[in-house]
Amino acid sequence: MKKLLKVTLTVLFTTILLLGFAVPVNMPNGTWYQQFFPNLNGRVISDITFIDSLNGFAVTRLSSTNDTNYILRSTNSGDNWSIVYRQYTSSIRPFNKVQFLNKDTGFVGGNRLLKTTNSGLNWTSLTLPSGTNTIGLHVLNEDTIWFADDIPFDGGLFRSTNKGINWDRQYDAGPAPNPDHVYMYNGRIGFMTRSSNLLYKTTNSGINWFTIPGGVYSDIYFIDSLTGWKSDPTPPASMKKTTDGGLNWTNQILPAGGIILTSNINKFNVLNKDTLWGAGGQVFYGGGKFRGMLYRTTNGGNNWLFQVPDTSFGIFSFGKIQYLNKNTGWTYGSAGYPVLIHTTNGGDTTFLVGLQQLSSQVPKDFMLFQNYPNPFNPKTIIKYSIMSNVKRETSNVKLIIFDITGREIVVLVNQKQNAGTYEVDFSGFGYASGVYFYRIEVTDDKSKQLYAETKKMILLK
């Protein structure tokens, strides 16, 4: 029996070693698959929405002046798209927003405001105040429509209560920048921003607006009159939550460190009070490979995890995400990365946390722990401790992953760190089964090595 066990183990580890010589492969498609648009002749999608699991609409951004904007429609979950409307314009204003109230009634904003009442088969242009464009658009219902135009003097914040026949200016900044975003929770309560980094709120249908803390937003959503979230991807990027109607905002911590290059949420989707998805941020996979990130929380944003939709499509960043339910969702690459991917089973099941400091208590020694689990598939956690150096300053910490040939495949950590205990995720997505090594190198500010150690781990798919 012992002899048989010895032979079996020998065969197993020989196989693992042989597989370890394989080079990293393209990231498998996982539970997302790519969908394709027709030839848009250089235009990119500026907004996209799905009404249900089958019907979706998208609008394009101009590739130049004197160009044509498109409205596209899909009736099979985004697998095929057709151009249902073309609009030539000499301006530089694109279509920038598409919103549907139900399967029949929808609106498109941009250098004009369009409306359909027959699922996009026909579109009519609503008359806007002279000299205005719909930079920000929020349709509360078929009667009540809000739009913002940030240009001085002619712009402002406008509201119609009779289906766009007449418009009232609800805010005018004069020569200063006018509002560029508007969001209405209901007929009375709403929010707007201006480029001056100010956030405004109304509680009386826009008759009066008052400033509140929190700063501008790229996306905002309230699940009731008190509880809402907003994101702002511009540095310093933030995801914030309020539980008192926007009077106070709490900054939520997004994953950072490790392979994460930038961490921010451009757009987000609220499924319920607990579950939110976000799109934005990038990770570095080594060898010049960058991939976009998706975020998810299941406790209202108290903890955010991330995943890398495991595709070979090379999406550098995601610009928008929409989930209809826990299984059916779409996410689209940001400008310059016009790739749409779709899931019908909730997306990838593996979520990562990035780099975390577990304790600020000063360890007695440097230590690199064995990864766990090991063997692993696809995720493992690497933990290490950093003690104080002689001058009690921060130390330069580098944590590197190598393949069996000694080739560096990714740097998980490369930064100054205080004394403490840390852990970081490593994802085996895109790499072949085999033996890998992880090495920590700690130096002081004069590049004197304080500690170095290497350990082995096994990716077994």
Protein backbone atom coordinates (compact mmCIF):
# COMPACT_ATOMS: atom_id res chain seq x y z
CA MET A 1 0.00 0.00 0.00
CA LYS A 2 2.82 2.42 0.90
CA LYS A 3 4.56 1.57 -2.38
CA LEU A 4 1.37 2.29 -4.37
CA LEU A 5 0.90 5.62 -2.56
CA LYS A 6 4.50 6.58 -3.30
CA VAL A 7 4.08 5.81 -7.01
CA THR A 8 0.81 7.77 -7.16
CA LEU A 9 2.35 10.84 -5.53
CA THR A 10 5.37 10.62 -7.83
CA VAL A 11 3.12 10.61 -10.91
CA LEU A 12 1.04 13.49 -9.55
CA PHE A 13 3.95 15.81 -8.85
CA THR A 14 5.69 14.88 -12.10
CA THR A 15 2.53 15.93 -13.95
CA ILE A 16 2.38 19.17 -11.99
CA LEU A 17 6.00 19.96 -12.76
CA LEU A 18 5.52 19.30 -16.46
CA LEU A 19 2.45 21.50 -16.55
CA GLY A 20 4.39 24.16 -14.72
CA PHE A 21 6.55 24.72 -17.79
CA ALA A 22 3.52 25.82 -19.81
CA VAL A 23 3.35 29.53 -20.55
CA PRO A 24 0.43 31.66 -19.36
CA VAL A 25 -2.57 31.21 -21.62
CA ASN A 26 -5.29 33.64 -22.65
CA MET A 27 -7.73 34.31 -19.87
CA PRO A 28 -10.67 31.94 -20.32
CA ASN A 29 -14.09 33.38 -21.00
CA GLY A 30 -15.55 32.14 -17.71
CA THR A 31 -19.22 32.99 -17.40
CA TRP A 32 -19.13 36.12 -19.55
CA TYR A 33 -19.26 36.08 -23.33
CA GLN A 34 -18.63 38.78 -25.89
CA GLN A 35 -21.34 40.42 -27.98
CA PHE A 36 -20.73 42.39 -31.15
CA PHE A 37 -22.05 45.60 -32.67
CA PRO A 38 -22.28 46.25 -36.41
CA ASN A 39 -19.59 48.38 -38.04
CA LEU A 40 -19.97 51.83 -36.48
CA ASN A 41 -17.20 53.44 -38.58
CA GLY A 42 -15.18 54.67 -35.65
CA ARG A 43 -18.05 55.65 -33.39
CA VAL A 44 -18.19 54.25 -29.87
CA ILE A 45 -21.13 53.49 -27.64
CA SER A 46 -21.80 56.33 -25.19
CA ASP A 47 -24.71 54.74 -23.32
CA ILE A 48 -26.57 51.44 -23.27
CA THR A 49 -29.60 50.06 -21.45
CA PHE A 50 -31.67 46.89 -21.40
CA ILE A 51 -35.41 47.02 -20.74
CA ASP A 52 -35.65 43.28 -20.08
CA SER A 53 -33.64 40.14 -20.79
CA LEU A 54 -34.16 40.50 -24.55
CA ASN A 55 -34.60 44.15 -25.52
CA GLY A 56 -31.80 46.67 -25.35
CA PHE A 57 -30.87 50.05 -26.80
CA ALA A 58 -27.54 51.81 -27.33
CA VAL A 59 -26.50 55.24 -28.58
CA THR A 60 -23.23 56.40 -30.11
CA ARG A 61 -20.70 59.15 -29.64
CA LEU A 62 -19.60 61.07 -32.75
CA SER A 63 -16.22 60.26 -34.28
CA SER A 64 -15.87 63.85 -35.60
CA THR A 65 -17.87 66.99 -36.37
CA ASN A 66 -20.28 66.84 -39.31
CA ASP A 67 -21.04 63.25 -38.44
CA THR A 68 -24.02 60.98 -37.76
CA ASN A 69 -25.28 59.74 -34.42
CA TYR A 70 -26.84 56.27 -34.19
CA ILE A 71 -29.49 54.62 -32.07
CA LEU A 72 -29.17 50.83 -32.03
CA ARG A 73 -31.58 48.15 -30.88
CA SER A 74 -31.25 44.49 -29.91
CA THR A 75 -34.15 42.08 -29.49
CA ASN A 76 -32.11 39.00 -28.56
CA SER A 77 -30.25 39.97 -25.38
CA GLY A 78 -27.52 41.90 -27.21
CA ASP A 79 -26.35 39.07 -29.47
CA ASN A 80 -27.31 41.11 -32.56
CA TRP A 81 -27.81 44.84 -33.05
CA SER A 82 -29.41 46.93 -35.78
CA ILE A 83 -29.29 50.68 -36.39
CA VAL A 84 -32.83 52.02 -35.99
CA TYR A 85 -32.15 55.76 -36.18
CA ARG A 86 -29.53 58.01 -37.78
CA GLN A 87 -29.11 61.69 -37.06
CA TYR A 88 -26.64 63.88 -38.94
CA THR A 89 -25.26 66.83 -36.99
CA SER A 90 -22.68 69.52 -37.59
CA SER A 91 -22.12 69.97 -33.85
CA ILE A 92 -19.79 68.00 -31.59
CA ARG A 93 -22.61 66.95 -29.25
CA PRO A 94 -23.11 63.18 -29.19
CA PHE A 95 -26.06 61.11 -28.11
CA ASN A 96 -25.08 60.62 -24.47
CA LYS A 97 -28.09 59.11 -22.69
CA VAL A 98 -30.75 56.51 -23.40
CA GLN A 99 -33.53 55.85 -20.87
CA PHE A 100 -36.68 53.75 -21.16
CA LEU A 101 -39.69 53.98 -18.87
CA ASN A 102 -41.20 50.73 -20.16
CA LYS A 103 -40.87 48.48 -23.20
CA ASP A 104 -42.52 51.09 -25.46
CA THR A 105 -41.58 54.54 -24.19
CA GLY A 106 -38.01 55.74 -24.26
CA PHE A 107 -35.89 58.87 -24.59
CA VAL A 108 -32.47 59.70 -26.04
CA GLY A 109 -30.57 62.83 -25.04
CA GLY A 110 -27.63 64.69 -26.53
CA ASN A 111 -27.65 67.50 -29.06
CA ARG A 112 -31.43 67.01 -29.13
CA LEU A 113 -34.09 65.13 -27.17
CA LEU A 114 -35.77 62.22 -28.94
CA LYS A 115 -38.76 60.14 -27.85
CA THR A 116 -40.25 56.83 -28.97
CA THR A 117 -43.60 55.30 -28.00
CA ASN A 118 -43.31 52.12 -30.08
CA SER A 119 -40.16 50.37 -28.81
CA GLY A 120 -37.77 52.39 -30.94
CA LEU A 121 -39.38 51.79 -34.33
CA ASN A 122 -40.00 55.54 -34.70
CA TRP A 123 -38.46 58.54 -32.98
CA THR A 124 -39.74 62.11 -32.72
CA SER A 125 -37.76 65.18 -31.71
CA LEU A 126 -39.03 67.21 -28.75
CA THR A 127 -38.62 70.97 -28.92
CA LEU A 128 -36.01 72.30 -26.47
CA PRO A 129 -35.42 75.87 -25.31
CA SER A 130 -33.38 77.78 -27.88
CA GLY A 131 -29.65 77.10 -27.86
CA THR A 132 -29.76 74.17 -25.42
CA ASN A 133 -28.61 70.56 -25.46
CA THR A 134 -29.42 67.72 -23.08
CA ILE A 135 -26.04 67.17 -21.40
CA GLY A 136 -27.69 65.58 -18.38
CA LEU A 137 -31.08 63.88 -18.67
CA HIS A 138 -33.47 62.31 -16.17
CA VAL A 139 -36.95 61.23 -17.19
CA LEU A 140 -39.09 60.82 -14.09
CA ASN A 141 -42.22 59.76 -15.98
CA GLU A 142 -43.77 60.41 -19.36
CA ASP A 143 -44.98 63.84 -18.24
CA THR A 144 -42.05 65.03 -16.14
CA ILE A 145 -38.67 65.38 -17.87
CA TRP A 146 -35.55 67.08 -16.55
CA PHE A 147 -32.41 68.03 -18.44
CA ALA A 148 -29.23 69.98 -17.70
CA ASP A 149 -27.06 72.00 -20.07
CA ASP A 150 -23.75 73.29 -18.70
CA ILE A 151 -23.16 76.17 -21.12
CA PRO A 152 -23.22 79.66 -19.55
CA PHE A 153 -26.17 82.00 -20.16
CA ASP A 154 -28.38 79.80 -22.42
CA GLY A 155 -27.89 76.66 -20.33
CA GLY A 156 -29.22 75.72 -16.93
CA LEU A 157 -31.56 73.15 -15.43
CA PHE A 158 -34.90 72.68 -17.17
CA ARG A 159 -38.13 70.83 -16.37
CA SER A 160 -41.20 69.94 -18.37
CA THR A 161 -44.40 68.68 -16.76
CA ASN A 162 -46.36 68.21 -20.00
CA LYS A 163 -44.35 65.64 -22.00
CA GLY A 164 -41.76 68.15 -23.26
CA ILE A 165 -44.19 70.61 -24.84
CA ASN A 166 -43.17 73.45 -22.52
CA TRP A 167 -40.06 73.95 -20.38
CA ASP A 168 -39.35 75.91 -17.20
CA ARG A 169 -35.81 76.87 -16.21
CA GLN A 170 -35.37 75.68 -12.64
CA TYR A 171 -31.77 76.85 -12.18
CA ASP A 172 -29.60 79.39 -13.97
CA ALA A 173 -25.98 80.11 -13.04
CA GLY A 174 -25.69 82.93 -15.58
CA PRO A 175 -22.09 83.36 -16.78
CA ALA A 176 -20.85 80.59 -14.47
CA PRO A 177 -20.89 76.91 -15.47
CA ASN A 178 -24.41 75.55 -15.35
CA PRO A 179 -25.46 72.10 -14.11
CA ASP A 180 -24.22 69.07 -16.05
CA HIS A 181 -25.95 66.25 -14.10
CA VAL A 182 -29.46 65.91 -12.73
CA TYR A 183 -31.14 63.06 -10.83
CA MET A 184 -34.66 63.07 -9.37
CA TYR A 185 -35.68 60.50 -6.79
CA ASN A 186 -39.31 61.59 -7.08
CA GLY A 187 -41.27 64.69 -8.06
CA ARG A 188 -39.96 66.70 -5.10
CA ILE A 189 -36.52 65.37 -4.17
CA GLY A 190 -33.60 65.61 -6.54
CA PHE A 191 -29.90 66.32 -6.95
CA MET A 192 -27.69 68.11 -9.45
CA THR A 193 -24.02 68.97 -9.87
CA ARG A 194 -21.97 71.66 -11.52
CA SER A 195 -18.34 71.52 -12.62
CA SER A 196 -17.50 73.72 -9.63
CA ASN A 197 -17.47 70.51 -7.51
CA LEU A 198 -20.73 71.47 -5.80
CA LEU A 199 -23.60 69.08 -5.08
CA TYR A 200 -27.10 70.55 -4.82
CA LYS A 201 -30.39 69.18 -3.50
CA THR A 202 -34.02 70.22 -3.88
CA THR A 203 -36.97 69.15 -1.77
CA ASN A 204 -39.60 71.25 -3.55
CA SER A 205 -39.41 70.17 -7.20
CA GLY A 206 -36.51 72.45 -8.10
CA ILE A 207 -38.01 75.73 -6.93
CA ASN A 208 -35.13 76.04 -4.49
CA TRP A 209 -31.73 74.34 -4.47
CA PHE A 210 -29.26 74.22 -1.58
CA THR A 211 -25.70 72.93 -1.46
CA ILE A 212 -24.87 69.77 0.46
CA PRO A 213 -21.51 68.09 1.11
CA GLY A 214 -20.24 65.21 -0.97
CA GLY A 215 -18.94 66.75 -4.18
CA VAL A 216 -19.85 65.97 -7.78
CA TYR A 217 -20.87 62.58 -9.10
CA SER A 218 -20.69 60.53 -12.28
CA ASP A 219 -23.52 58.28 -11.09
CA ILE A 220 -26.08 58.51 -8.29
CA TYR A 221 -29.01 56.41 -7.11
CA PHE A 222 -31.37 56.47 -4.13
CA ILE A 223 -33.24 53.37 -3.02
CA ASP A 224 -35.49 55.47 -0.77
CA SER A 225 -35.65 59.13 0.22
CA LEU A 226 -32.81 58.72 2.73
CA THR A 227 -30.50 55.96 1.46
CA GLY A 228 -28.40 56.48 -1.65
CA TRP A 229 -24.98 56.06 -3.23
CA LYS A 230 -22.88 58.15 -5.58
CA SER A 231 -19.63 57.59 -7.42
CA ASP A 232 -16.95 59.92 -8.71
CA PRO A 233 -14.05 58.35 -10.66
CA THR A 234 -11.97 61.53 -10.89
CA PRO A 235 -8.97 61.61 -8.51
CA PRO A 236 -9.30 61.17 -5.63
CA ALA A 237 -11.87 58.59 -6.73
CA SER A 238 -14.71 57.86 -4.34
CA MET A 239 -17.79 55.75 -3.73
CA LYS A 240 -20.01 57.26 -1.06
CA LYS A 241 -23.22 56.36 0.76
CA THR A 242 -25.77 58.46 2.61
CA THR A 243 -28.50 57.40 5.01
CA ASP A 244 -29.91 60.87 5.69
CA GLY A 245 -30.93 62.06 2.26
CA GLY A 246 -27.50 63.37 1.23
CA LEU A 247 -26.85 65.70 4.16
CA ASN A 248 -23.88 63.53 5.11
CA TRP A 249 -21.90 61.05 3.01
CA THR A 250 -19.68 58.20 4.16
CA ASN A 251 -16.74 57.22 1.99
CA GLN A 252 -16.74 53.51 1.15
CA ILE A 253 -13.44 51.69 0.82
CA LEU A 254 -12.77 50.07 -2.55
CA PRO A 255 -10.20 47.30 -3.03
CA ALA A 256 -6.66 48.60 -3.62
CA GLY A 257 -3.08 47.41 -3.78
CA GLY A 258 -1.80 44.12 -5.08
CA ILE A 259 -2.35 43.88 -8.83
CA ILE A 260 -4.77 46.83 -8.78
CA LEU A 261 -3.43 49.74 -10.82
CA THR A 262 -6.35 52.14 -10.27
CA SER A 263 -9.50 51.58 -8.24
CA ASN A 264 -12.61 53.60 -9.03
CA ILE A 265 -16.25 53.13 -9.99
CA ASN A 266 -17.48 54.93 -13.10
CA LYS A 267 -21.06 53.66 -13.05
CA PHE A 268 -22.91 51.34 -10.70
CA ASN A 269 -26.11 49.33 -10.61
CA VAL A 270 -28.27 48.82 -7.50
CA LEU A 271 -30.10 45.50 -7.35
CA ASN A 272 -31.39 46.01 -3.81
CA LYS A 273 -30.36 47.69 -0.56
CA ASP A 274 -27.56 45.15 -0.11
CA THR A 275 -26.32 44.20 -3.58
CA LEU A 276 -24.61 46.70 -5.87
CA TRP A 277 -22.35 46.20 -8.88
CA GLY A 278 -19.81 48.76 -10.07
CA ALA A 279 -17.70 49.20 -13.20
CA GLY A 280 -14.28 50.85 -13.38
CA GLY A 281 -10.65 50.46 -12.32
CA GLN A 282 -7.82 48.40 -13.81
CA VAL A 283 -5.55 45.56 -12.73
CA PHE A 284 -2.09 44.71 -14.02
CA TYR A 285 -1.51 41.12 -15.08
CA GLY A 286 2.15 41.39 -16.04
CA GLY A 287 3.66 41.28 -19.49
CA GLY A 288 2.00 44.56 -20.40
CA LYS A 289 -1.50 43.14 -19.81
CA PHE A 290 -4.15 45.32 -18.23
CA ARG A 291 -7.73 44.33 -17.55
CA GLY A 292 -10.86 46.14 -16.41
CA MET A 293 -12.45 45.43 -13.03
CA LEU A 294 -15.99 44.90 -11.81
CA TYR A 295 -16.97 45.47 -8.19
CA ARG A 296 -19.69 43.92 -6.06
CA THR A 297 -20.97 44.40 -2.54
CA THR A 298 -23.58 42.31 -0.76
CA ASN A 299 -23.88 44.48 2.36
CA GLY A 300 -24.71 47.89 0.99
CA GLY A 301 -21.10 48.88 0.37
CA ASN A 302 -19.59 48.17 3.77
CA ASN A 303 -17.29 45.76 1.95
CA TRP A 304 -16.50 45.81 -1.75
CA LEU A 305 -14.84 42.92 -3.60
CA PHE A 306 -13.70 42.86 -7.20
CA GLN A 307 -13.42 40.45 -10.07
CA VAL A 308 -11.77 40.56 -13.47
CA PRO A 309 -14.23 39.29 -16.08
CA ASP A 310 -11.98 36.57 -17.30
CA THR A 311 -11.96 37.22 -21.01
CA SER A 312 -9.35 37.36 -23.74
CA PHE A 313 -10.93 40.48 -25.22
CA GLY A 314 -8.45 42.89 -23.66
CA ILE A 315 -10.93 45.26 -21.99
CA PHE A 316 -8.79 47.89 -20.29
CA SER A 317 -11.66 49.52 -18.40
CA PHE A 318 -15.41 49.12 -17.99
CA GLY A 319 -17.63 52.16 -18.31
CA LYS A 320 -21.10 50.88 -17.43
CA ILE A 321 -22.76 47.86 -15.83
CA GLN A 322 -26.39 46.78 -15.65
CA TYR A 323 -27.91 43.79 -13.88
CA LEU A 324 -31.62 43.05 -14.28
CA ASN A 325 -31.51 40.39 -11.59
CA LYS A 326 -28.88 38.29 -9.83
CA ASN A 327 -28.17 36.29 -13.02
CA THR A 328 -28.67 38.54 -16.05
CA GLY A 329 -26.24 41.36 -16.65
CA TRP A 330 -24.18 43.30 -19.17
CA THR A 331 -21.08 45.43 -18.87
CA TYR A 332 -19.53 47.65 -21.51
CA GLY A 333 -15.98 48.87 -22.04
CA SER A 334 -15.32 52.55 -21.49
CA ALA A 335 -14.61 54.90 -24.40
CA GLY A 336 -11.91 53.45 -26.63
CA TYR A 337 -12.72 49.88 -25.58
CA PRO A 338 -16.08 49.23 -27.30
CA VAL A 339 -16.64 45.69 -26.06
CA LEU A 340 -19.93 44.43 -24.62
CA ILE A 341 -20.01 41.25 -22.55
CA HIS A 342 -23.02 39.44 -21.14
CA THR A 343 -23.79 36.88 -18.45
CA THR A 344 -26.89 34.82 -17.75
CA ASN A 345 -25.64 33.12 -14.59
CA GLY A 346 -24.41 35.97 -12.43
CA GLY A 347 -20.87 36.41 -13.78
CA ASP A 348 -17.67 34.91 -12.47
CA THR A 349 -17.91 33.38 -9.02
CA THR A 350 -14.42 34.37 -7.86
CA PHE A 351 -14.07 37.69 -6.05
CA LEU A 352 -10.86 39.24 -4.74
CA VAL A 353 -10.13 41.78 -2.02
CA GLY A 354 -6.78 43.26 -3.13
CA LEU A 355 -4.12 44.16 -0.57
CA GLN A 356 -5.22 44.41 3.07
CA GLN A 357 -3.44 45.32 6.27
CA LEU A 358 -4.60 42.80 8.85
CA SER A 359 -2.83 44.32 11.83
CA SER A 360 -0.75 47.38 12.68
CA GLN A 361 0.83 45.63 15.64
CA VAL A 362 4.59 45.56 15.09
CA PRO A 363 5.77 41.97 14.44
CA LYS A 364 8.93 40.69 16.12
CA ASP A 365 10.30 39.33 12.83
CA PHE A 366 9.87 39.54 9.11
CA MET A 367 7.79 36.62 7.88
CA LEU A 368 6.49 35.25 4.60
CA PHE A 369 3.75 32.71 5.27
CA GLN A 370 2.74 29.76 3.13
CA ASN A 371 -0.08 30.69 0.78
CA TYR A 372 -3.53 29.27 1.48
CA PRO A 373 -5.18 27.33 0.09
CA ASN A 374 -2.38 25.38 -1.54
CA PRO A 375 -2.82 23.81 -4.07
CA PHE A 376 -5.29 26.42 -5.25
CA ASN A 377 -7.74 27.14 -8.07
CA PRO A 378 -8.18 29.89 -9.01
CA LYS A 379 -7.49 32.13 -5.99
CA THR A 380 -5.01 31.98 -3.14
CA ILE A 381 -3.99 34.35 -0.35
CA ILE A 382 -0.42 35.33 0.47
CA LYS A 383 0.27 36.70 3.94
CA TYR A 384 3.41 38.43 5.24
CA SER A 385 4.64 40.45 8.21
CA ILE A 386 6.90 43.52 8.16
CA MET A 387 8.81 44.51 11.29
CA SER A 388 10.17 47.99 11.96
CA ASN A 389 13.53 48.81 10.45
CA VAL A 390 16.31 50.40 12.47
CA LYS A 391 15.01 53.95 12.06
CA ARG A 392 11.38 52.86 12.49
CA GLU A 393 10.61 54.16 9.00
CA THR A 394 8.49 52.61 6.30
CA SER A 395 10.08 49.81 4.30
CA ASN A 396 10.05 49.20 0.56
CA VAL A 397 8.15 45.95 0.01
CA LYS A 398 8.03 43.98 -3.20
CA LEU A 399 6.12 40.71 -3.66
CA ILE A 400 6.67 38.96 -6.98
CA ILE A 401 5.22 35.83 -8.62
CA PHE A 402 7.48 33.68 -10.83
CA ASP A 403 6.73 30.63 -12.95
CA ILE A 404 8.74 27.39 -12.79
CA THR A 405 11.32 28.77 -15.24
CA GLY A 406 12.03 31.76 -13.01
CA ARG A 407 10.23 34.18 -15.31
CA GLU A 408 8.52 37.03 -13.48
CA ILE A 409 4.79 36.97 -14.30
CA VAL A 410 3.32 39.62 -11.99
CA VAL A 411 4.28 41.98 -9.18
CA LEU A 412 1.60 41.85 -6.48
CA VAL A 413 3.07 44.47 -4.15
CA ASN A 414 5.56 47.21 -4.87
CA GLN A 415 5.23 50.05 -2.36
CA LYS A 416 6.30 51.54 0.96
CA GLN A 417 4.62 49.92 3.95
CA ASN A 418 4.53 50.49 7.67
CA ALA A 419 5.27 47.70 10.09
CA GLY A 420 2.36 45.28 10.34
CA THR A 421 0.81 42.14 8.89
CA TYR A 422 -0.67 42.12 5.39
CA GLU A 423 -2.30 39.75 2.95
CA VAL A 424 -2.92 39.95 -0.77
CA ASP A 425 -4.90 37.86 -3.25
CA PHE A 426 -3.34 36.16 -6.25
CA SER A 427 -5.61 34.93 -9.03
CA GLY A 428 -4.54 32.03 -11.23
CA PHE A 429 -6.86 33.12 -14.04
CA GLY A 430 -5.03 32.95 -17.34
CA TYR A 431 -2.16 30.81 -16.08
CA ALA A 432 -1.56 27.12 -16.67
CA SER A 433 -1.55 24.53 -13.90
CA GLY A 434 1.88 24.06 -12.38
CA VAL A 435 4.40 25.12 -9.79
CA TYR A 436 4.85 28.82 -9.13
CA PHE A 437 7.04 30.74 -6.70
CA TYR A 438 6.36 33.91 -4.74
CA ARG A 439 9.19 36.03 -3.37
CA ILE A 440 9.21 38.94 -0.94
CA GLU A 441 11.98 41.54 -0.92
CA VAL A 442 12.14 44.23 1.79
CA THR A 443 14.63 47.11 1.60
CA ASP A 444 15.20 50.38 3.42
CA ASP A 445 15.31 53.82 1.83
CA LYS A 446 18.95 53.27 0.83
CA SER A 447 18.02 50.01 -0.96
CA LYS A 448 19.73 47.91 1.69
CA GLN A 449 18.03 44.53 1.81
CA LEU A 450 16.38 43.83 5.14
CA TYR A 451 14.64 40.59 4.29
CA ALA A 452 14.03 38.23 1.37
CA GLU A 453 12.35 34.85 1.13
CA THR A 454 10.85 32.64 -1.55
CA LYS A 455 8.13 30.02 -1.25
CA LYS A 456 6.50 27.56 -3.64
CA MET A 457 2.82 27.21 -4.46
CA ILE A 458 0.83 24.97 -6.82
CA LEU A 459 -1.95 25.99 -9.19
CA LEU A 460 -3.97 22.87 -9.88
CA LYS A 461 -6.89 23.22 -12.29
